[in-house]
Amino acid sequence: MIWVQAARPRTLPAAIAPVLVGTAAAWQFAGHLPRVLAFVVALVGSIFIQIGANLANDYSDARRGADTVDRLGPVRVTSAGLVTPQRVLRATWVAFAVAVACGIYLAIVAGWIILVVGIASIAAGVLYTGGPRPYGYAGLGEVFVFLFFGLVAVNGSYYVQLEQLDALPLGLSIAVGFLATAILVVNNVRDIETDRRAGKNTSAVRMGRANAVNLYRLLVGGAFVILPFSIWAGDCQWWPLLGLLAIPMAIKPIRVLETHTDGPALNKCLAATGALLGVYSLLVTIGLLLAS
């Protein structure tokens, strides 16, 4: 249970969603799934990159003193003393080793560029809160999430199937990236006061709570606005518009983020945003399969 807690399962939709959408877009283009095993391996690799990044964040934040007893989020296993830092660090590298193994297989199947992308993703996960100048402490975490859990993951999943890039997965990667980034925005809004005291200058600390909430609104709304344009640009049938059925799920977390500052409410908002990403991506995936 402690290791499940350390892996932060509420964040895993950000790893699963882009692989589903990118692979379904490839299925829509080809009329079938060209490489079934590559899909499974890409999914496993994405999940373990996310888990490794979470563990690295747990370890690094504890060492830097950013995770204190007054933080509003769930308990972090390193700072709480539930697991020793050495064990968390070892688990981090085990998770990344699994991801590297997946990357090697995908590189054999689809070319060396996939391995390069995978290594860059792992490095970005480590350097988010680790290294001499962690970019998560400089307000750049959202850029990383949008890039790697949106653009890279969706288009990469498409590429390992067809070894090409197209307009449809590009547009969908922006939409998925918006929602994945919204998850981090909630996390940073929740922790804004404790991060400020710890010297962790996240985007929420830098821009202030009101602007961070506005960013959340733009990201969530943008995911729905860009969907029809993505379908049009990709010359796809309109079935993926099923993703718009997730709009009602966006209303409550937006209102909670606007009106609440307590930890329990914002933790629920975080979970609701992850669920929104998951349902949105699943509906879009179903639509892409129907359009094939």
Protein backbone atom coordinates (compact mmCIF):
# COMPACT_ATOMS: atom_id res chain seq x y z
CA MET A 1 0.00 0.00 0.00
CA ILE A 2 2.86 2.40 0.79
CA TRP A 3 4.38 1.88 -2.66
CA VAL A 4 0.99 2.38 -4.31
CA GLN A 5 0.72 5.65 -2.40
CA ALA A 6 4.23 6.62 -3.51
CA ALA A 7 3.36 5.90 -7.16
CA ARG A 8 0.46 8.41 -6.94
CA PRO A 9 -2.15 6.46 -8.91
CA ARG A 10 -4.31 9.57 -9.33
CA THR A 11 -1.70 10.93 -11.73
CA LEU A 12 -1.55 7.80 -13.91
CA PRO A 13 -4.33 8.89 -16.31
CA ALA A 14 -1.76 11.40 -17.59
CA ALA A 15 0.41 8.45 -18.63
CA ILE A 16 -2.33 6.18 -19.98
CA ALA A 17 -4.50 8.69 -21.85
CA PRO A 18 -1.98 9.87 -24.48
CA VAL A 19 -0.99 6.32 -25.42
CA LEU A 20 -4.64 5.36 -25.92
CA VAL A 21 -5.39 8.42 -28.03
CA GLY A 22 -2.22 8.22 -30.13
CA THR A 23 -2.67 4.51 -30.79
CA ALA A 24 -6.37 4.92 -31.63
CA ALA A 25 -5.47 7.69 -34.09
CA ALA A 26 -3.08 5.25 -35.80
CA TRP A 27 -5.84 2.63 -35.87
CA GLN A 28 -8.19 5.18 -37.43
CA PHE A 29 -5.63 5.94 -40.17
CA ALA A 30 -4.68 2.33 -40.94
CA GLY A 31 -8.04 0.67 -40.32
CA HIS A 32 -6.40 -1.75 -37.87
CA LEU A 33 -3.70 -1.82 -35.18
CA PRO A 34 -0.41 -2.47 -36.99
CA ARG A 35 1.66 -3.34 -33.91
CA VAL A 36 -0.31 -4.68 -30.97
CA LEU A 37 2.72 -5.50 -28.84
CA ALA A 38 4.18 -2.05 -29.49
CA PHE A 39 0.99 -0.54 -28.04
CA VAL A 40 1.27 -2.65 -24.88
CA VAL A 41 4.96 -1.83 -24.46
CA ALA A 42 4.38 1.88 -25.07
CA LEU A 43 1.63 1.86 -22.44
CA VAL A 44 3.83 0.10 -19.88
CA GLY A 45 6.73 2.42 -20.63
CA SER A 46 4.60 5.54 -20.25
CA ILE A 47 3.19 4.34 -16.92
CA PHE A 48 6.65 3.60 -15.53
CA ILE A 49 8.03 6.94 -16.67
CA GLN A 50 5.19 8.57 -14.72
CA ILE A 51 5.82 6.38 -11.66
CA GLY A 52 9.55 7.04 -11.84
CA ALA A 53 8.97 10.78 -12.10
CA ASN A 54 6.63 10.66 -9.11
CA LEU A 55 9.15 8.75 -7.01
CA ALA A 56 11.97 11.08 -8.07
CA ASN A 57 9.80 14.03 -7.10
CA ASP A 58 9.02 12.43 -3.73
CA TYR A 59 12.73 11.88 -3.05
CA SER A 60 13.97 15.27 -4.28
CA ASP A 61 11.27 17.38 -2.60
CA ALA A 62 11.99 15.67 0.71
CA ARG A 63 15.70 16.37 0.41
CA ARG A 64 15.06 20.02 -0.45
CA GLY A 65 12.56 20.46 2.38
CA ALA A 66 9.62 21.26 0.12
CA ASP A 67 7.40 18.53 1.62
CA THR A 68 6.66 19.72 5.14
CA VAL A 69 4.15 18.58 7.75
CA ASP A 70 1.77 21.42 6.87
CA ARG A 71 1.37 20.56 3.18
CA LEU A 72 -2.24 20.06 2.07
CA GLY A 73 -1.67 17.18 -0.35
CA PRO A 74 -1.48 13.45 0.36
CA VAL A 75 1.37 12.22 2.53
CA ARG A 76 4.69 11.83 0.72
CA VAL A 77 6.43 8.64 1.75
CA THR A 78 9.97 10.02 1.99
CA SER A 79 9.26 13.15 4.02
CA ALA A 80 6.84 11.23 6.26
CA GLY A 81 9.52 8.67 7.05
CA LEU A 82 7.42 5.78 5.72
CA VAL A 83 10.21 4.69 3.37
CA THR A 84 13.90 5.54 3.57
CA PRO A 85 15.27 7.92 0.92
CA GLN A 86 17.63 5.20 -0.31
CA ARG A 87 14.76 2.79 -0.97
CA VAL A 88 12.74 5.45 -2.76
CA LEU A 89 15.76 6.28 -4.91
CA ARG A 90 16.28 2.61 -5.77
CA ALA A 91 12.60 2.24 -6.66
CA THR A 92 12.91 5.32 -8.88
CA TRP A 93 15.68 3.75 -10.92
CA VAL A 94 13.86 0.41 -11.10
CA ALA A 95 10.84 2.20 -12.57
CA PHE A 96 13.03 4.04 -15.06
CA ALA A 97 14.87 0.80 -15.94
CA VAL A 98 11.53 -0.76 -16.92
CA ALA A 99 10.80 2.32 -19.04
CA VAL A 100 14.22 2.08 -20.72
CA ALA A 101 13.64 -1.61 -21.51
CA CYS A 102 10.35 -0.66 -23.14
CA GLY A 103 12.12 2.09 -25.07
CA ILE A 104 14.73 -0.33 -26.38
CA TYR A 105 12.04 -2.63 -27.74
CA LEU A 106 10.19 0.28 -29.36
CA ALA A 107 13.46 1.53 -30.86
CA ILE A 108 14.01 -1.90 -32.44
CA VAL A 109 10.50 -1.77 -33.88
CA ALA A 110 10.23 1.87 -34.93
CA GLY A 111 13.74 3.32 -34.98
CA TRP A 112 16.31 4.90 -32.67
CA ILE A 113 14.43 8.19 -32.38
CA ILE A 114 11.98 6.52 -29.98
CA LEU A 115 14.80 5.64 -27.58
CA VAL A 116 16.06 9.22 -27.68
CA VAL A 117 12.58 10.50 -26.88
CA GLY A 118 12.25 8.02 -24.02
CA ILE A 119 15.60 9.02 -22.49
CA ALA A 120 14.65 12.70 -22.79
CA SER A 121 11.35 11.96 -21.02
CA ILE A 122 13.15 10.20 -18.17
CA ALA A 123 15.68 13.02 -17.86
CA ALA A 124 12.87 15.56 -17.73
CA GLY A 125 11.15 13.53 -14.99
CA VAL A 126 14.32 13.43 -12.88
CA LEU A 127 15.23 17.09 -13.39
CA TYR A 128 11.73 18.31 -12.54
CA THR A 129 12.67 18.53 -8.86
CA GLY A 130 16.16 16.99 -8.96
CA GLY A 131 19.55 18.14 -10.12
CA PRO A 132 21.30 21.44 -9.38
CA ARG A 133 18.62 23.63 -11.03
CA PRO A 134 15.25 21.83 -10.96
CA TYR A 135 12.92 23.45 -13.45
CA GLY A 136 9.85 22.57 -11.35
CA TYR A 137 11.17 25.11 -8.83
CA ALA A 138 11.33 27.74 -11.59
CA GLY A 139 7.70 27.55 -12.71
CA LEU A 140 8.31 25.37 -15.77
CA GLY A 141 6.58 22.18 -14.64
CA GLU A 142 3.53 22.81 -16.78
CA VAL A 143 5.72 23.16 -19.87
CA PHE A 144 7.23 19.73 -19.18
CA VAL A 145 3.84 18.07 -18.68
CA PHE A 146 2.35 19.61 -21.82
CA LEU A 147 5.38 18.66 -23.89
CA PHE A 148 5.96 15.11 -22.67
CA PHE A 149 2.48 13.94 -21.63
CA GLY A 150 0.80 15.69 -24.54
CA LEU A 151 2.86 16.29 -27.66
CA VAL A 152 5.50 13.60 -27.17
CA ALA A 153 3.34 10.81 -25.76
CA VAL A 154 0.43 11.07 -28.22
CA ASN A 155 2.54 11.61 -31.33
CA GLY A 156 5.10 9.05 -30.14
CA SER A 157 2.40 6.42 -29.68
CA TYR A 158 1.15 7.19 -33.19
CA TYR A 159 4.68 7.03 -34.59
CA VAL A 160 5.53 3.59 -33.16
CA GLN A 161 2.54 2.23 -35.08
CA LEU A 162 2.99 3.95 -38.46
CA GLU A 163 6.45 5.59 -38.35
CA GLN A 164 5.02 8.91 -39.51
CA LEU A 165 3.40 12.02 -38.04
CA ASP A 166 0.10 13.57 -39.10
CA ALA A 167 -2.21 16.49 -38.32
CA LEU A 168 -4.80 14.44 -36.41
CA PRO A 169 -2.50 13.14 -33.63
CA LEU A 170 -0.83 16.56 -33.43
CA GLY A 171 -4.13 18.29 -32.69
CA LEU A 172 -5.22 15.59 -30.28
CA SER A 173 -1.87 15.77 -28.50
CA ILE A 174 -2.51 19.44 -27.75
CA ALA A 175 -5.92 18.65 -26.28
CA VAL A 176 -4.60 15.79 -24.14
CA GLY A 177 -1.63 17.91 -23.11
CA PHE A 178 -3.94 20.68 -21.93
CA LEU A 179 -5.82 18.34 -19.58
CA ALA A 180 -2.65 16.66 -18.32
CA THR A 181 -1.21 20.09 -17.58
CA ALA A 182 -4.41 21.04 -15.74
CA ILE A 183 -3.69 18.23 -13.26
CA LEU A 184 -0.38 19.85 -12.33
CA VAL A 185 -2.02 23.27 -12.09
CA VAL A 186 -4.42 21.95 -9.43
CA ASN A 187 -1.51 20.40 -7.56
CA ASN A 188 0.41 23.68 -7.61
CA VAL A 189 -2.59 25.78 -6.58
CA ARG A 190 -3.20 23.45 -3.63
CA ASP A 191 0.43 23.71 -2.50
CA ILE A 192 0.91 27.40 -3.26
CA GLU A 193 1.53 28.54 0.31
CA THR A 194 3.80 25.68 1.39
CA ASP A 195 5.72 25.89 -1.90
CA ARG A 196 6.22 29.63 -1.42
CA ARG A 197 7.62 29.12 2.06
CA ALA A 198 9.93 26.37 0.78
CA GLY A 199 11.25 28.54 -2.04
CA LYS A 200 9.61 26.34 -4.68
CA ASN A 201 8.57 28.92 -7.26
CA THR A 202 5.98 26.97 -9.22
CA SER A 203 3.88 28.71 -11.83
CA ALA A 204 1.11 29.18 -9.25
CA VAL A 205 3.54 30.86 -6.86
CA ARG A 206 4.85 33.09 -9.63
CA MET A 207 1.53 34.16 -11.14
CA GLY A 208 -0.67 34.03 -8.04
CA ARG A 209 -3.70 31.95 -7.24
CA ALA A 210 -6.22 33.92 -9.31
CA ASN A 211 -4.14 33.71 -12.49
CA ALA A 212 -3.42 30.03 -11.90
CA VAL A 213 -7.15 29.35 -11.64
CA ASN A 214 -7.64 31.24 -14.91
CA LEU A 215 -4.93 29.09 -16.48
CA TYR A 216 -6.80 25.99 -15.31
CA ARG A 217 -10.00 27.28 -16.93
CA LEU A 218 -8.17 27.95 -20.21
CA LEU A 219 -6.54 24.53 -20.26
CA VAL A 220 -9.73 22.61 -19.55
CA GLY A 221 -11.82 24.70 -21.93
CA GLY A 222 -9.12 24.60 -24.59
CA ALA A 223 -9.13 20.78 -24.65
CA PHE A 224 -12.76 20.83 -25.75
CA VAL A 225 -12.40 23.78 -28.15
CA ILE A 226 -9.48 22.26 -30.03
CA LEU A 227 -11.11 18.84 -30.51
CA PRO A 228 -13.30 19.68 -33.56
CA PHE A 229 -10.42 21.59 -35.18
CA SER A 230 -8.17 18.56 -34.72
CA ILE A 231 -10.73 16.30 -36.36
CA TRP A 232 -11.18 18.72 -39.25
CA ALA A 233 -7.44 19.18 -39.79
CA GLY A 234 -6.95 15.41 -39.70
CA ASP A 235 -9.72 14.82 -42.26
CA CYS A 236 -11.35 12.39 -39.84
CA GLN A 237 -14.98 11.45 -39.38
CA TRP A 238 -16.69 13.27 -36.51
CA TRP A 239 -17.00 10.31 -34.13
CA PRO A 240 -14.18 11.57 -31.84
CA LEU A 241 -16.48 14.45 -30.91
CA LEU A 242 -17.77 11.94 -28.36
CA GLY A 243 -15.09 13.55 -26.21
CA LEU A 244 -17.38 16.56 -25.80
CA LEU A 245 -19.65 14.39 -23.66
CA ALA A 246 -17.08 14.86 -20.89
CA ILE A 247 -17.88 18.58 -20.62
CA PRO A 248 -20.20 18.15 -17.59
CA MET A 249 -17.32 16.52 -15.71
CA ALA A 250 -15.32 19.76 -16.08
CA ILE A 251 -17.82 21.98 -14.30
CA LYS A 252 -17.38 20.77 -10.71
CA PRO A 253 -13.56 20.84 -10.52
CA ILE A 254 -13.52 24.33 -12.01
CA ARG A 255 -15.97 25.53 -9.36
CA VAL A 256 -14.06 23.80 -6.57
CA LEU A 257 -10.77 25.38 -7.64
CA GLU A 258 -12.47 28.78 -7.80
CA THR A 259 -14.03 28.60 -4.35
CA HIS A 260 -11.98 26.26 -2.12
CA THR A 261 -8.53 26.46 -0.57
CA ASP A 262 -8.66 23.50 1.83
CA GLY A 263 -6.62 20.38 1.16
CA PRO A 264 -9.42 17.77 1.07
CA ALA A 265 -11.46 19.75 -1.48
CA LEU A 266 -8.45 20.41 -3.70
CA ASN A 267 -7.35 16.79 -3.48
CA LYS A 268 -10.80 15.83 -4.76
CA CYS A 269 -10.42 18.45 -7.49
CA LEU A 270 -7.12 16.85 -8.44
CA ALA A 271 -8.75 13.42 -8.65
CA ALA A 272 -11.66 14.86 -10.63
CA THR A 273 -9.28 16.45 -13.13
CA GLY A 274 -7.50 13.13 -13.58
CA ALA A 275 -10.86 11.45 -14.10
CA LEU A 276 -11.80 14.13 -16.63
CA LEU A 277 -8.64 13.43 -18.61
CA GLY A 278 -9.31 9.70 -18.45
CA VAL A 279 -12.95 9.89 -19.57
CA TYR A 280 -12.25 12.51 -22.25
CA SER A 281 -9.44 10.42 -23.70
CA LEU A 282 -11.47 7.21 -23.53
CA LEU A 283 -14.39 8.83 -25.35
CA VAL A 284 -12.07 10.25 -28.02
CA THR A 285 -10.42 6.83 -28.34
CA ILE A 286 -13.80 5.14 -28.84
CA GLY A 287 -14.69 7.78 -31.42
CA LEU A 288 -11.45 7.19 -33.33
CA LEU A 289 -12.09 3.46 -33.40
CA LEU A 290 -15.64 4.04 -34.69
CA ALA A 291 -14.24 6.34 -37.38
CA SER A 292 -11.79 3.74 -38.69
